[in-house]
Amino acid sequence: MAEPAAARPEITLRHGLPTGQRRAAARLYWGAFGSKLGRVMGPDRKALAFVERVISERHVISASDPAGRVVGVIGYRTGSGSFVGGGREDMVAIYGPVGALWRMACLSVLARDHERSALLIDGLAVEAEWRGAGVGAALIEALALEASRRGYRELRLDVVGENLRARALYERLGFRVARRRDSRMTQTLFAFETVFIMIRDL
């Protein structure tokens, strides 16, 4: 594990999460992706409980303020797991057998292929008060460094077509659109139809 590095004087980057910040990280993640996943993973109370339960601290780099409060996370996915994954047992524990069954069927629509040459970003989220302060860029650079150390040739992420601001940010940070994916099923279930797969060469 790499040593924590400073993004700017008042922010610390580290692999994993600061002690006691698992719930805060779950709230941060859901705040960023709840509008995309809420139809399926809601209500918020259960979604937050699920995310907190399944977070893998082995698949995240976090940014924290001087008080140790998480203000940003970048999760990633490898062949061994992802930042927010979980299985049937986790789903049943939060949503019950019936609720777990249909939610898992819906989420399978979002399943992504794993590319050996690319480290997949499994969510980037920054606290509102820290946006525009370079935290997101610092997290991406830290993950790019980690990916290079692990022998990956690319970073990959998926960005919803309607999220023009996020796409512009990623392009400024060296990502390019590799391909576009359209799905009426995701439009029905998650309220977005287009996803751009973006790649950054390492």
Protein backbone atom coordinates (compact mmCIF):
# COMPACT_ATOMS: atom_id res chain seq x y z
CA MET A 1 0.00 0.00 0.00
CA ALA A 2 1.33 3.40 -0.93
CA GLU A 3 1.99 5.99 1.76
CA PRO A 4 -0.61 8.78 2.10
CA ALA A 5 0.18 11.79 -0.07
CA ALA A 6 -0.92 15.40 0.21
CA ALA A 7 -3.27 16.72 -2.46
CA ARG A 8 -2.90 20.22 -1.03
CA PRO A 9 -1.80 21.29 2.49
CA GLU A 10 -5.16 20.64 4.16
CA ILE A 11 -6.07 17.41 2.34
CA THR A 12 -4.59 13.94 2.77
CA LEU A 13 -4.92 11.11 0.27
CA ARG A 14 -4.75 7.53 1.46
CA HIS A 15 -5.56 4.03 0.29
CA GLY A 16 -8.64 2.94 2.21
CA LEU A 17 -10.68 5.11 4.55
CA PRO A 18 -9.84 6.97 7.76
CA THR A 19 -10.97 5.19 10.93
CA GLY A 20 -14.68 5.64 11.58
CA GLN A 21 -15.46 7.12 8.16
CA ARG A 22 -17.17 4.17 6.49
CA ARG A 23 -20.68 5.62 6.86
CA ALA A 24 -19.50 9.05 5.70
CA ALA A 25 -17.99 7.46 2.59
CA ALA A 26 -21.27 5.65 1.91
CA ARG A 27 -23.19 8.92 2.16
CA LEU A 28 -20.73 10.63 -0.15
CA TYR A 29 -21.04 7.85 -2.72
CA TRP A 30 -24.84 7.79 -2.56
CA GLY A 31 -24.96 11.58 -2.81
CA ALA A 32 -23.13 11.33 -6.11
CA PHE A 33 -24.94 8.31 -7.57
CA GLY A 34 -28.33 8.24 -5.86
CA SER A 35 -30.00 10.14 -8.69
CA LYS A 36 -28.78 7.45 -11.11
CA LEU A 37 -29.49 4.39 -8.95
CA GLY A 38 -32.34 5.60 -6.76
CA ARG A 39 -35.17 4.03 -8.75
CA VAL A 40 -33.69 0.60 -8.13
CA MET A 41 -31.70 0.90 -4.90
CA GLY A 42 -34.02 3.24 -3.00
CA PRO A 43 -35.35 4.16 -0.57
CA ASP A 44 -32.34 6.18 0.57
CA ARG A 45 -32.26 4.62 4.04
CA LYS A 46 -31.85 1.11 2.65
CA ALA A 47 -29.50 2.19 -0.13
CA LEU A 48 -27.16 3.82 2.38
CA ALA A 49 -27.26 0.74 4.60
CA PHE A 50 -26.39 -1.45 1.62
CA VAL A 51 -23.51 0.74 0.41
CA GLU A 52 -22.06 0.98 3.91
CA ARG A 53 -22.29 -2.80 4.28
CA VAL A 54 -20.53 -3.69 1.02
CA ILE A 55 -17.82 -1.01 0.69
CA SER A 56 -14.41 -2.55 0.11
CA GLU A 57 -11.66 -0.43 1.62
CA ARG A 58 -9.15 -2.35 -0.52
CA HIS A 59 -10.63 -0.74 -3.64
CA VAL A 60 -10.68 2.97 -2.82
CA ILE A 61 -8.44 5.98 -2.45
CA SER A 62 -9.90 8.64 -0.18
CA ALA A 63 -9.27 12.31 0.49
CA SER A 64 -9.74 13.60 4.03
CA ASP A 65 -9.58 16.99 5.71
CA PRO A 66 -7.36 17.75 8.75
CA ALA A 67 -10.06 16.42 11.09
CA GLY A 68 -9.98 13.06 9.29
CA ARG A 69 -13.37 13.59 7.66
CA VAL A 70 -13.72 12.02 4.21
CA VAL A 71 -14.32 14.70 1.57
CA GLY A 72 -13.66 12.64 -1.56
CA VAL A 73 -13.40 9.05 -2.75
CA ILE A 74 -12.41 7.30 -5.94
CA GLY A 75 -13.36 3.64 -6.01
CA TYR A 76 -11.98 1.17 -8.50
CA ARG A 77 -12.67 -2.30 -9.82
CA THR A 78 -10.25 -5.12 -10.51
CA GLY A 79 -10.64 -8.82 -11.16
CA SER A 80 -10.66 -9.35 -7.38
CA GLY A 81 -13.50 -6.97 -6.51
CA SER A 82 -14.82 -3.43 -6.51
CA PHE A 83 -15.40 -0.49 -4.17
CA VAL A 84 -19.18 -0.98 -4.06
CA GLY A 85 -20.04 -4.55 -4.97
CA GLY A 86 -21.71 -7.03 -2.70
CA GLY A 87 -23.61 -10.20 -3.47
CA ARG A 88 -26.97 -11.87 -2.99
CA GLU A 89 -26.46 -12.32 0.75
CA ASP A 90 -25.86 -8.58 1.18
CA MET A 91 -28.92 -7.73 -0.91
CA VAL A 92 -31.15 -10.08 1.06
CA ALA A 93 -29.86 -8.70 4.36
CA ILE A 94 -31.00 -5.19 3.43
CA TYR A 95 -33.93 -5.66 1.04
CA GLY A 96 -35.28 -9.12 1.85
CA PRO A 97 -35.51 -12.08 -0.59
CA VAL A 98 -38.05 -10.55 -2.98
CA GLY A 99 -36.55 -7.07 -2.96
CA ALA A 100 -33.09 -8.54 -3.53
CA LEU A 101 -34.25 -10.65 -6.47
CA TRP A 102 -35.64 -7.87 -8.64
CA ARG A 103 -32.92 -5.40 -7.71
CA MET A 104 -30.20 -7.82 -8.72
CA ALA A 105 -31.96 -8.40 -12.03
CA CYS A 106 -32.08 -4.65 -12.66
CA LEU A 107 -28.46 -4.08 -11.66
CA SER A 108 -27.30 -6.81 -14.04
CA VAL A 109 -28.16 -4.37 -16.84
CA LEU A 110 -25.26 -2.20 -15.61
CA ALA A 111 -22.76 -5.06 -15.46
CA ARG A 112 -19.48 -4.05 -17.05
CA ASP A 113 -16.91 -6.24 -18.70
CA HIS A 114 -13.51 -6.38 -17.04
CA GLU A 115 -10.59 -5.43 -19.27
CA ARG A 116 -7.23 -6.77 -18.15
CA SER A 117 -5.37 -3.79 -19.57
CA ALA A 118 -7.59 -1.20 -17.83
CA LEU A 119 -8.24 -0.32 -14.20
CA LEU A 120 -11.94 0.54 -13.98
CA ILE A 121 -13.06 3.54 -11.95
CA ASP A 122 -15.99 2.48 -9.76
CA GLY A 123 -17.20 5.92 -8.74
CA LEU A 124 -15.68 9.35 -8.06
CA ALA A 125 -17.39 11.58 -5.49
CA VAL A 126 -16.33 14.85 -3.84
CA GLU A 127 -18.09 16.71 -1.01
CA ALA A 128 -19.94 19.75 -2.36
CA GLU A 129 -17.90 22.27 -0.37
CA TRP A 130 -14.66 20.86 -1.82
CA ARG A 131 -15.66 20.79 -5.46
CA GLY A 132 -13.53 23.03 -7.63
CA ALA A 133 -10.64 22.74 -5.18
CA GLY A 134 -8.74 20.08 -7.12
CA VAL A 135 -9.75 17.12 -4.94
CA GLY A 136 -11.26 15.12 -7.81
CA ALA A 137 -8.22 15.72 -10.00
CA ALA A 138 -5.88 14.70 -7.17
CA LEU A 139 -7.81 11.47 -6.64
CA ILE A 140 -7.67 10.61 -10.34
CA GLU A 141 -3.92 11.30 -10.47
CA ALA A 142 -3.38 9.14 -7.39
CA LEU A 143 -5.32 6.29 -8.97
CA ALA A 144 -3.46 6.70 -12.26
CA LEU A 145 -0.19 6.32 -10.34
CA GLU A 146 -1.49 3.23 -8.54
CA ALA A 147 -2.74 1.72 -11.80
CA SER A 148 0.68 2.23 -13.40
CA ARG A 149 2.38 0.57 -10.42
CA ARG A 150 0.09 -2.43 -10.87
CA GLY A 151 0.97 -2.73 -14.54
CA TYR A 152 -2.26 -1.40 -16.10
CA ARG A 153 -2.01 0.49 -19.37
CA GLU A 154 -5.26 2.45 -19.06
CA LEU A 155 -7.78 3.96 -16.69
CA ARG A 156 -11.40 3.46 -17.79
CA LEU A 157 -14.65 4.99 -16.62
CA ASP A 158 -18.25 5.22 -17.76
CA VAL A 159 -19.98 8.61 -17.77
CA VAL A 160 -23.69 9.17 -18.35
CA GLY A 161 -24.33 11.00 -21.60
CA GLU A 162 -26.37 13.75 -19.94
CA ASN A 163 -23.57 14.55 -17.49
CA LEU A 164 -21.73 17.01 -19.72
CA ARG A 165 -19.91 18.64 -16.81
CA ALA A 166 -18.33 15.35 -15.71
CA ARG A 167 -17.36 14.47 -19.26
CA ALA A 168 -15.66 17.86 -19.70
CA LEU A 169 -13.74 17.36 -16.44
CA TYR A 170 -12.50 13.94 -17.49
CA GLU A 171 -11.43 15.25 -20.88
CA ARG A 172 -9.39 17.97 -19.15
CA LEU A 173 -7.72 15.24 -17.12
CA GLY A 174 -6.62 13.31 -20.19
CA PHE A 175 -9.52 10.96 -20.85
CA ARG A 176 -10.95 10.42 -24.32
CA VAL A 177 -14.20 8.86 -25.47
CA ALA A 178 -13.47 5.32 -26.68
CA ARG A 179 -17.03 4.35 -27.52
CA ARG A 180 -20.68 5.07 -26.84
CA ARG A 181 -23.32 2.68 -25.51
CA ASP A 182 -27.07 3.27 -25.81
CA SER A 183 -29.72 1.24 -24.01
CA ARG A 184 -33.47 1.71 -23.72
CA MET A 185 -33.37 -0.65 -20.75
CA THR A 186 -31.18 1.72 -18.73
CA GLN A 187 -33.49 4.56 -19.76
CA THR A 188 -36.44 2.67 -18.30
CA LEU A 189 -34.71 1.50 -15.11
CA PHE A 190 -32.24 4.27 -14.35
CA ALA A 191 -33.43 7.31 -16.36
CA PHE A 192 -30.37 7.51 -18.63
CA GLU A 193 -29.96 6.06 -22.09
CA THR A 194 -26.43 6.91 -23.18
CA VAL A 195 -23.10 6.05 -21.57
CA PHE A 196 -19.71 7.14 -22.87
CA ILE A 197 -16.82 4.79 -22.13
CA MET A 198 -13.77 6.97 -21.54
CA ILE A 199 -10.14 5.88 -21.49
CA ARG A 200 -6.95 7.52 -20.24
CA ASP A 201 -3.68 6.03 -21.42
CA LEU A 202 -1.08 5.55 -18.70
